[in-house]
Amino acid sequence: MKRTVLALVLMGAGLFVYAQAGLPEYYPASGRWANIGGRLYQNDENARLAKVNIPVIQNSDIMIYEFNARYEGGAEDGHGGFGLHIFVNNSYNRQSWGAGQSYLLWLNYDENPLNKNIQSGLSAQLYRSVSNYQMELLESFDLNGYADLLTDENLSQPINFKISVNTRTGEVTVNDPIYVDDYYTLNLDRRYLPLRGNWVSVRTNGMKMSFALTE
């Protein structure tokens, strides 16, 4: 399980969803988003709940989310996070904590977390969102042993990434972005299967990032 989260850290920033060539249709809800040269940038490092909604019908047996992503700055103050809501039932085009009914894969750096169940420093979380204003923390992982991987050189490069989800079993497969023949798995809550959704929400917290589809 922890190796799965390590793979998420290695991409260096944010998450994006596979779609047709070029940027997909998207709807900024909060933060400062802009399409610059075919990359989608979130340019406000002070935005705590930046979010963009992307219409994606997620009703196939296997869903694939594929992207490249790059850190653009803003975590120098000791706090920053980014992640992806998948299987969102309804979009909400305003600032919000949750994203309808969905799951959130989240990477976090916080030297002084307010939640006692989240480790200080580098960590990752899996949340289940039950509404736009309520989420439950399912698991949290201490990643401070991997912090040395987040070098300036690594973070300056877009890194390709791929996530596959079996909507009937809840199994998530994460391809290793460094060792392309390796992969990692985790399992979502089986009580809420099969997974379905109409939207994906990409979000950041206190940092700048850019995203593009993998060519």
C-alpha atoms as a PDB file:
ATOM      1  CA  MET A   1       0.000   0.000   0.000  1.00  0.00           C
ATOM      2  CA  LYS A   2       2.751   2.444   0.890  1.00  0.00           C
ATOM      3  CA  ARG A   3       4.534   1.670  -2.382  1.00  0.00           C
ATOM      4  CA  THR A   4       1.388   2.738  -4.219  1.00  0.00           C
ATOM      5  CA  VAL A   5       1.517   6.119  -2.554  1.00  0.00           C
ATOM      6  CA  LEU A   6       5.242   6.412  -3.290  1.00  0.00           C
ATOM      7  CA  ALA A   7       4.431   6.070  -6.987  1.00  0.00           C
ATOM      8  CA  LEU A   8       2.053   9.025  -6.656  1.00  0.00           C
ATOM      9  CA  VAL A   9       4.772  11.111  -5.040  1.00  0.00           C
ATOM     10  CA  LEU A  10       7.234  10.421  -7.838  1.00  0.00           C
ATOM     11  CA  MET A  11       5.158  12.278 -10.377  1.00  0.00           C
ATOM     12  CA  GLY A  12       6.041  15.524  -8.600  1.00  0.00           C
ATOM     13  CA  ALA A  13       2.681  17.284  -8.770  1.00  0.00           C
ATOM     14  CA  GLY A  14      -1.064  17.046  -9.300  1.00  0.00           C
ATOM     15  CA  LEU A  15      -3.123  14.593 -11.337  1.00  0.00           C
ATOM     16  CA  PHE A  16      -4.935  14.709 -14.649  1.00  0.00           C
ATOM     17  CA  VAL A  17      -7.387  12.504 -16.501  1.00  0.00           C
ATOM     18  CA  TYR A  18      -7.009  10.677 -19.823  1.00  0.00           C
ATOM     19  CA  ALA A  19      -9.160  11.992 -22.690  1.00  0.00           C
ATOM     20  CA  GLN A  20      -8.972  12.842 -26.383  1.00  0.00           C
ATOM     21  CA  ALA A  21      -5.860  14.518 -27.864  1.00  0.00           C
ATOM     22  CA  GLY A  22      -5.261  17.987 -26.446  1.00  0.00           C
ATOM     23  CA  LEU A  23      -6.761  19.392 -23.290  1.00  0.00           C
ATOM     24  CA  PRO A  24     -10.266  18.122 -22.487  1.00  0.00           C
ATOM     25  CA  GLU A  25     -13.206  20.377 -21.772  1.00  0.00           C
ATOM     26  CA  TYR A  26     -12.769  21.852 -18.296  1.00  0.00           C
ATOM     27  CA  TYR A  27     -14.605  24.205 -15.911  1.00  0.00           C
ATOM     28  CA  PRO A  28     -12.561  26.153 -13.328  1.00  0.00           C
ATOM     29  CA  ALA A  29     -14.392  26.323 -10.005  1.00  0.00           C
ATOM     30  CA  SER A  30     -11.786  28.046  -7.800  1.00  0.00           C
ATOM     31  CA  GLY A  31      -8.163  29.075  -8.113  1.00  0.00           C
ATOM     32  CA  ARG A  32      -6.585  30.667 -11.191  1.00  0.00           C
ATOM     33  CA  TRP A  33      -6.532  28.227 -14.112  1.00  0.00           C
ATOM     34  CA  ALA A  34      -5.224  28.937 -17.624  1.00  0.00           C
ATOM     35  CA  ASN A  35      -4.438  26.995 -20.799  1.00  0.00           C
ATOM     36  CA  ILE A  36      -0.929  28.031 -21.819  1.00  0.00           C
ATOM     37  CA  GLY A  37       0.610  26.235 -24.777  1.00  0.00           C
ATOM     38  CA  GLY A  38      -1.540  23.164 -24.298  1.00  0.00           C
ATOM     39  CA  ARG A  39      -0.834  22.823 -20.561  1.00  0.00           C
ATOM     40  CA  LEU A  40      -3.387  23.602 -17.887  1.00  0.00           C
ATOM     41  CA  TYR A  41      -1.835  25.768 -15.157  1.00  0.00           C
ATOM     42  CA  GLN A  42      -3.137  26.529 -11.682  1.00  0.00           C
ATOM     43  CA  ASN A  43      -1.264  29.787 -11.012  1.00  0.00           C
ATOM     44  CA  ASP A  44      -2.449  30.854  -7.553  1.00  0.00           C
ATOM     45  CA  GLU A  45      -0.137  29.473  -4.866  1.00  0.00           C
ATOM     46  CA  ASN A  46      -2.347  30.965  -2.154  1.00  0.00           C
ATOM     47  CA  ALA A  47      -5.542  29.205  -3.271  1.00  0.00           C
ATOM     48  CA  ARG A  48      -6.366  26.679  -0.541  1.00  0.00           C
ATOM     49  CA  LEU A  49      -9.202  24.915  -2.371  1.00  0.00           C
ATOM     50  CA  ALA A  50      -8.355  25.362  -6.056  1.00  0.00           C
ATOM     51  CA  LYS A  51     -10.430  23.062  -8.237  1.00  0.00           C
ATOM     52  CA  VAL A  52     -11.244  22.414 -11.878  1.00  0.00           C
ATOM     53  CA  ASN A  53     -14.070  20.107 -13.022  1.00  0.00           C
ATOM     54  CA  ILE A  54     -13.752  17.909 -16.101  1.00  0.00           C
ATOM     55  CA  PRO A  55     -16.748  16.044 -17.601  1.00  0.00           C
ATOM     56  CA  VAL A  56     -15.835  12.356 -17.919  1.00  0.00           C
ATOM     57  CA  ILE A  57     -18.434   9.580 -18.075  1.00  0.00           C
ATOM     58  CA  GLN A  58     -17.023   6.829 -15.848  1.00  0.00           C
ATOM     59  CA  ASN A  59     -19.209   3.774 -16.295  1.00  0.00           C
ATOM     60  CA  SER A  60     -16.867   1.290 -18.018  1.00  0.00           C
ATOM     61  CA  ASP A  61     -15.627  -1.804 -16.222  1.00  0.00           C
ATOM     62  CA  ILE A  62     -12.077  -0.384 -16.408  1.00  0.00           C
ATOM     63  CA  MET A  63     -11.356   3.336 -16.197  1.00  0.00           C
ATOM     64  CA  ILE A  64      -7.918   4.690 -17.131  1.00  0.00           C
ATOM     65  CA  TYR A  65      -6.605   8.072 -15.969  1.00  0.00           C
ATOM     66  CA  GLU A  66      -3.447   9.089 -17.831  1.00  0.00           C
ATOM     67  CA  PHE A  67      -1.543  12.403 -17.710  1.00  0.00           C
ATOM     68  CA  ASN A  68       1.717  14.172 -17.145  1.00  0.00           C
ATOM     69  CA  ALA A  69       2.110  16.737 -14.397  1.00  0.00           C
ATOM     70  CA  ARG A  70       4.650  19.240 -13.150  1.00  0.00           C
ATOM     71  CA  TYR A  71       5.232  21.160  -9.910  1.00  0.00           C
ATOM     72  CA  GLU A  72       5.386  24.923 -10.523  1.00  0.00           C
ATOM     73  CA  GLY A  73       6.106  26.289  -7.032  1.00  0.00           C
ATOM     74  CA  GLY A  74       4.439  27.520  -3.866  1.00  0.00           C
ATOM     75  CA  ALA A  75       5.272  24.861  -1.256  1.00  0.00           C
ATOM     76  CA  GLU A  76       8.236  26.787   0.130  1.00  0.00           C
ATOM     77  CA  ASP A  77       6.119  27.954   3.085  1.00  0.00           C
ATOM     78  CA  GLY A  78       5.945  24.408   4.456  1.00  0.00           C
ATOM     79  CA  HIS A  79       2.464  23.565   3.176  1.00  0.00           C
ATOM     80  CA  GLY A  80       1.009  22.301  -0.092  1.00  0.00           C
ATOM     81  CA  GLY A  81      -1.165  19.561  -1.478  1.00  0.00           C
ATOM     82  CA  PHE A  82      -2.700  18.268  -4.697  1.00  0.00           C
ATOM     83  CA  GLY A  83      -4.949  15.463  -5.829  1.00  0.00           C
ATOM     84  CA  LEU A  84      -7.697  14.005  -7.961  1.00  0.00           C
ATOM     85  CA  HIS A  85     -11.356  13.259  -7.252  1.00  0.00           C
ATOM     86  CA  ILE A  86     -12.558  10.340  -9.382  1.00  0.00           C
ATOM     87  CA  PHE A  87     -16.127   9.059  -9.887  1.00  0.00           C
ATOM     88  CA  VAL A  88     -17.689  12.425  -8.995  1.00  0.00           C
ATOM     89  CA  ASN A  89     -21.470  12.152  -9.378  1.00  0.00           C
ATOM     90  CA  ASN A  90     -22.206  15.883  -9.851  1.00  0.00           C
ATOM     91  CA  SER A  91     -19.936  18.876 -10.419  1.00  0.00           C
ATOM     92  CA  TYR A  92     -20.019  21.926  -8.174  1.00  0.00           C
ATOM     93  CA  ASN A  93     -18.556  25.031  -9.848  1.00  0.00           C
ATOM     94  CA  ARG A  94     -17.661  26.819  -6.639  1.00  0.00           C
ATOM     95  CA  GLN A  95     -15.025  26.432  -3.966  1.00  0.00           C
ATOM     96  CA  SER A  96     -15.651  23.313  -1.887  1.00  0.00           C
ATOM     97  CA  TRP A  97     -13.934  20.889   0.455  1.00  0.00           C
ATOM     98  CA  GLY A  98     -15.366  17.717  -1.058  1.00  0.00           C
ATOM     99  CA  ALA A  99     -16.579  16.887  -4.577  1.00  0.00           C
ATOM    100  CA  GLY A 100     -19.965  15.235  -4.358  1.00  0.00           C
ATOM    101  CA  GLN A 101     -19.778  11.468  -4.024  1.00  0.00           C
ATOM    102  CA  SER A 102     -16.244  10.507  -5.074  1.00  0.00           C
ATOM    103  CA  TYR A 103     -12.834   9.275  -3.976  1.00  0.00           C
ATOM    104  CA  LEU A 104      -9.893  11.627  -3.522  1.00  0.00           C
ATOM    105  CA  LEU A 105      -6.269  10.583  -3.987  1.00  0.00           C
ATOM    106  CA  TRP A 106      -4.260  13.269  -2.202  1.00  0.00           C
ATOM    107  CA  LEU A 107      -0.579  14.097  -1.668  1.00  0.00           C
ATOM    108  CA  ASN A 108       0.312  16.428   1.148  1.00  0.00           C
ATOM    109  CA  TYR A 109       3.203  18.344   2.648  1.00  0.00           C
ATOM    110  CA  ASP A 110       2.366  20.015   5.937  1.00  0.00           C
ATOM    111  CA  GLU A 111       4.808  20.700   8.735  1.00  0.00           C
ATOM    112  CA  ASN A 112       1.955  21.318  11.191  1.00  0.00           C
ATOM    113  CA  PRO A 113      -1.168  19.342  10.154  1.00  0.00           C
ATOM    114  CA  LEU A 114      -4.348  20.153  12.057  1.00  0.00           C
ATOM    115  CA  ASN A 115      -5.653  16.581  11.790  1.00  0.00           C
ATOM    116  CA  LYS A 116      -3.902  14.371  14.356  1.00  0.00           C
ATOM    117  CA  ASN A 117      -4.358  11.376  12.034  1.00  0.00           C
ATOM    118  CA  ILE A 118      -2.193  12.949   9.322  1.00  0.00           C
ATOM    119  CA  GLN A 119       1.568  12.706   9.711  1.00  0.00           C
ATOM    120  CA  SER A 120       3.633  15.893   9.718  1.00  0.00           C
ATOM    121  CA  GLY A 121       5.882  16.469   6.733  1.00  0.00           C
ATOM    122  CA  LEU A 122       5.337  14.426   3.591  1.00  0.00           C
ATOM    123  CA  SER A 123       2.277  12.162   3.513  1.00  0.00           C
ATOM    124  CA  ALA A 124      -0.533  10.873   1.307  1.00  0.00           C
ATOM    125  CA  GLN A 125      -4.202  10.315   1.996  1.00  0.00           C
ATOM    126  CA  LEU A 126      -7.168   8.442   0.570  1.00  0.00           C
ATOM    127  CA  TYR A 127     -10.525  10.131   1.224  1.00  0.00           C
ATOM    128  CA  ARG A 128     -14.091   9.213   0.461  1.00  0.00           C
ATOM    129  CA  SER A 129     -16.093  12.329  -0.371  1.00  0.00           C
ATOM    130  CA  VAL A 130     -19.776  12.084   0.564  1.00  0.00           C
ATOM    131  CA  SER A 131     -20.789  15.658  -0.366  1.00  0.00           C
ATOM    132  CA  ASN A 132     -19.271  18.987  -1.387  1.00  0.00           C
ATOM    133  CA  TYR A 133     -18.681  19.782   2.275  1.00  0.00           C
ATOM    134  CA  GLN A 134     -17.947  16.424   3.889  1.00  0.00           C
ATOM    135  CA  MET A 135     -15.162  13.893   3.398  1.00  0.00           C
ATOM    136  CA  GLU A 136     -13.935  11.001   5.497  1.00  0.00           C
ATOM    137  CA  LEU A 137     -10.279  10.077   5.780  1.00  0.00           C
ATOM    138  CA  LEU A 138      -9.893   6.386   4.958  1.00  0.00           C
ATOM    139  CA  GLU A 139      -6.113   6.027   5.182  1.00  0.00           C
ATOM    140  CA  SER A 140      -3.030   8.178   5.693  1.00  0.00           C
ATOM    141  CA  PHE A 141       0.545   7.213   4.861  1.00  0.00           C
ATOM    142  CA  ASP A 142       3.807   8.585   6.228  1.00  0.00           C
ATOM    143  CA  LEU A 143       6.107   9.327   3.272  1.00  0.00           C
ATOM    144  CA  ASN A 144       8.921  11.175   5.009  1.00  0.00           C
ATOM    145  CA  GLY A 145      11.272   8.314   4.181  1.00  0.00           C
ATOM    146  CA  TYR A 146      10.869   9.223   0.516  1.00  0.00           C
ATOM    147  CA  ALA A 147      11.263  13.002   0.798  1.00  0.00           C
ATOM    148  CA  ASP A 148      14.765  12.881  -0.715  1.00  0.00           C
ATOM    149  CA  LEU A 149      13.199  11.910  -4.047  1.00  0.00           C
ATOM    150  CA  LEU A 150      11.570  15.331  -4.359  1.00  0.00           C
ATOM    151  CA  THR A 151      14.627  17.137  -5.708  1.00  0.00           C
ATOM    152  CA  ASP A 152      14.483  20.350  -7.721  1.00  0.00           C
ATOM    153  CA  GLU A 153      15.582  18.392 -10.777  1.00  0.00           C
ATOM    154  CA  ASN A 154      12.786  15.816 -10.421  1.00  0.00           C
ATOM    155  CA  LEU A 155      10.112  18.389  -9.708  1.00  0.00           C
ATOM    156  CA  SER A 156      11.049  20.542 -12.708  1.00  0.00           C
ATOM    157  CA  GLN A 157      10.198  17.782 -15.213  1.00  0.00           C
ATOM    158  CA  PRO A 158       6.738  16.633 -16.340  1.00  0.00           C
ATOM    159  CA  ILE A 159       6.326  12.989 -15.384  1.00  0.00           C
ATOM    160  CA  ASN A 160       3.979  10.593 -17.159  1.00  0.00           C
ATOM    161  CA  PHE A 161       1.511   8.777 -14.969  1.00  0.00           C
ATOM    162  CA  LYS A 162      -1.291   6.220 -15.334  1.00  0.00           C
ATOM    163  CA  ILE A 163      -4.002   4.952 -12.953  1.00  0.00           C
ATOM    164  CA  SER A 164      -6.406   2.105 -13.818  1.00  0.00           C
ATOM    165  CA  VAL A 165      -9.534   1.384 -11.750  1.00  0.00           C
ATOM    166  CA  ASN A 166     -11.674  -1.736 -11.934  1.00  0.00           C
ATOM    167  CA  THR A 167     -15.099  -0.254 -11.211  1.00  0.00           C
ATOM    168  CA  ARG A 168     -16.624  -3.628 -10.251  1.00  0.00           C
ATOM    169  CA  THR A 169     -13.949  -4.796  -7.793  1.00  0.00           C
ATOM    170  CA  GLY A 170     -12.600  -1.434  -6.583  1.00  0.00           C
ATOM    171  CA  GLU A 171      -9.015  -2.443  -7.368  1.00  0.00           C
ATOM    172  CA  VAL A 172      -6.754   0.469  -8.315  1.00  0.00           C
ATOM    173  CA  THR A 173      -3.559  -0.145 -10.297  1.00  0.00           C
ATOM    174  CA  VAL A 174      -0.908   2.567 -10.368  1.00  0.00           C
ATOM    175  CA  ASN A 175       1.838   2.241 -12.992  1.00  0.00           C
ATOM    176  CA  ASP A 176       5.275   3.209 -11.699  1.00  0.00           C
ATOM    177  CA  PRO A 177       6.247   6.388 -13.612  1.00  0.00           C
ATOM    178  CA  ILE A 178       9.965   5.588 -13.258  1.00  0.00           C
ATOM    179  CA  TYR A 179      10.069   1.799 -13.757  1.00  0.00           C
ATOM    180  CA  VAL A 180       7.442   1.404 -16.465  1.00  0.00           C
ATOM    181  CA  ASP A 181       7.090  -2.374 -16.096  1.00  0.00           C
ATOM    182  CA  ASP A 182       6.257  -2.141 -12.399  1.00  0.00           C
ATOM    183  CA  TYR A 183       2.927  -1.264 -10.809  1.00  0.00           C
ATOM    184  CA  TYR A 184       1.221  -0.951  -7.421  1.00  0.00           C
ATOM    185  CA  THR A 185      -2.279  -1.753  -6.210  1.00  0.00           C
ATOM    186  CA  LEU A 186      -4.777  -0.643  -3.563  1.00  0.00           C
ATOM    187  CA  ASN A 187      -8.472  -1.371  -2.991  1.00  0.00           C
ATOM    188  CA  LEU A 188     -11.370   1.032  -2.525  1.00  0.00           C
ATOM    189  CA  ASP A 189     -14.294   0.406  -0.184  1.00  0.00           C
ATOM    190  CA  ARG A 190     -16.277  -2.555  -1.562  1.00  0.00           C
ATOM    191  CA  ARG A 191     -19.488  -1.373   0.098  1.00  0.00           C
ATOM    192  CA  TYR A 192     -19.970   1.275  -2.599  1.00  0.00           C
ATOM    193  CA  LEU A 193     -19.406  -0.782  -5.750  1.00  0.00           C
ATOM    194  CA  PRO A 194     -19.816  -0.633  -8.679  1.00  0.00           C
ATOM    195  CA  LEU A 195     -18.146   2.744  -9.121  1.00  0.00           C
ATOM    196  CA  ARG A 196     -19.813   5.258 -11.427  1.00  0.00           C
ATOM    197  CA  GLY A 197     -19.401   8.984 -12.052  1.00  0.00           C
ATOM    198  CA  ASN A 198     -19.854  11.821 -14.540  1.00  0.00           C
ATOM    199  CA  TRP A 199     -16.983  14.115 -13.545  1.00  0.00           C
ATOM    200  CA  VAL A 200     -13.366  14.240 -12.437  1.00  0.00           C
ATOM    201  CA  SER A 201     -12.114  17.109 -10.269  1.00  0.00           C
ATOM    202  CA  VAL A 202      -8.453  18.114 -10.167  1.00  0.00           C
ATOM    203  CA  ARG A 203      -7.428  20.243  -7.211  1.00  0.00           C
ATOM    204  CA  THR A 204      -4.505  21.911  -5.477  1.00  0.00           C
ATOM    205  CA  ASN A 205      -3.994  23.413  -2.039  1.00  0.00           C
ATOM    206  CA  GLY A 206      -1.491  26.207  -1.475  1.00  0.00           C
ATOM    207  CA  MET A 207       0.733  25.493  -4.489  1.00  0.00           C
ATOM    208  CA  LYS A 208       1.039  25.996  -8.250  1.00  0.00           C
ATOM    209  CA  MET A 209       1.047  23.133 -10.770  1.00  0.00           C
ATOM    210  CA  SER A 210       0.549  22.390 -14.446  1.00  0.00           C
ATOM    211  CA  PHE A 211      -1.003  19.404 -16.211  1.00  0.00           C
ATOM    212  CA  ALA A 212      -1.204  17.922 -19.687  1.00  0.00           C
ATOM    213  CA  LEU A 213      -2.403  14.734 -21.318  1.00  0.00           C
ATOM    214  CA  THR A 214       0.191  12.090 -22.097  1.00  0.00           C
ATOM    215  CA  GLU A 215       0.976  11.998 -25.829  1.00  0.00           C
END
